[in-house]
């Protein structure tokens, strides 16, 4: 499935968004379509078996989820 990481340029929150076809995705937090596609992340198992990513964490450190890298 085509999921891509985006950062909203309006509310500055990062999200993984399903993109289907040529439609422009919108931010699930504020509804803006002013999104910037992020570089692909690579999911690997961390030292404790967690599925964290290697591009600033699962959310790039912007959503306050508590994942710090």
Protein backbone atom coordinates (compact mmCIF):
# COMPACT_ATOMS: atom_id res chain seq x y z
CA UNK A 1 0.00 0.00 0.00
CA UNK A 2 1.34 3.46 -0.80
CA UNK A 3 1.87 5.10 2.59
CA UNK A 4 4.13 8.14 2.63
CA UNK A 5 5.51 10.36 5.38
CA UNK A 6 4.52 14.01 5.16
CA UNK A 7 5.10 17.08 7.29
CA UNK A 8 2.41 19.74 7.34
CA UNK A 9 3.88 23.15 6.57
CA UNK A 10 0.98 24.83 8.43
CA UNK A 11 0.78 22.97 11.78
CA UNK A 12 4.27 21.35 11.51
CA UNK A 13 3.04 17.88 12.48
CA UNK A 14 4.31 14.75 10.77
CA UNK A 15 2.00 11.99 9.59
CA UNK A 16 2.07 8.77 7.63
CA UNK A 17 -0.64 9.16 4.99
CA UNK A 18 -2.16 6.69 2.54
CA UNK A 19 -2.04 8.18 -0.95
CA UNK A 20 -4.34 6.71 -3.58
CA UNK A 21 -3.74 7.94 -7.11
CA UNK A 22 -3.09 11.56 -8.07
CA UNK A 23 -5.21 13.07 -5.26
CA UNK A 24 -3.40 15.53 -3.02
CA UNK A 25 -3.32 14.32 0.61
CA UNK A 26 -4.43 16.50 3.49
CA UNK A 27 -3.10 16.83 7.02
CA UNK A 28 -5.10 14.64 9.43
CA UNK A 29 -4.41 17.17 12.21
CA UNK A 30 -5.50 20.47 10.65
CA UNK A 31 -6.91 19.59 7.20
CA UNK A 32 -4.32 21.59 5.27
CA UNK A 33 -3.14 20.40 1.85
CA UNK A 34 0.14 22.27 2.33
CA UNK A 35 2.21 19.12 2.92
CA UNK A 36 5.82 18.28 2.20
CA UNK A 37 6.72 14.69 1.39
CA UNK A 38 9.54 13.42 3.58
CA UNK A 39 12.37 11.09 2.65
CA UNK A 40 11.48 7.41 2.92
CA UNK A 41 11.99 5.82 6.32
CA UNK A 42 13.41 2.40 6.91
CA UNK A 43 11.70 0.33 9.59
CA UNK A 44 14.12 -1.75 11.61
CA UNK A 45 13.99 -3.52 14.90
CA UNK A 46 15.55 -1.47 17.68
CA UNK A 47 17.55 -2.87 20.54
CA UNK A 48 14.34 -3.71 22.40
CA UNK A 49 12.50 -5.11 19.37
CA UNK A 50 10.48 -1.96 18.73
CA UNK A 51 9.64 -0.97 15.17
CA UNK A 52 11.18 2.49 15.31
CA UNK A 53 12.36 4.20 12.14
CA UNK A 54 15.65 5.83 11.24
CA UNK A 55 14.70 9.37 10.23
CA UNK A 56 14.15 11.24 13.46
CA UNK A 57 11.84 8.67 15.03
CA UNK A 58 8.42 7.42 14.10
CA UNK A 59 7.19 10.96 13.63
CA UNK A 60 10.32 13.02 13.19
CA UNK A 61 9.95 14.20 16.78
CA UNK A 62 7.10 16.59 15.97
CA UNK A 63 3.98 14.94 17.36
CA UNK A 64 4.95 14.55 20.99
CA UNK A 65 4.51 10.75 20.90
CA UNK A 66 7.41 10.29 23.29
CA UNK A 67 9.79 8.60 20.86
CA UNK A 68 13.17 10.31 21.08
CA UNK A 69 16.13 9.32 18.96
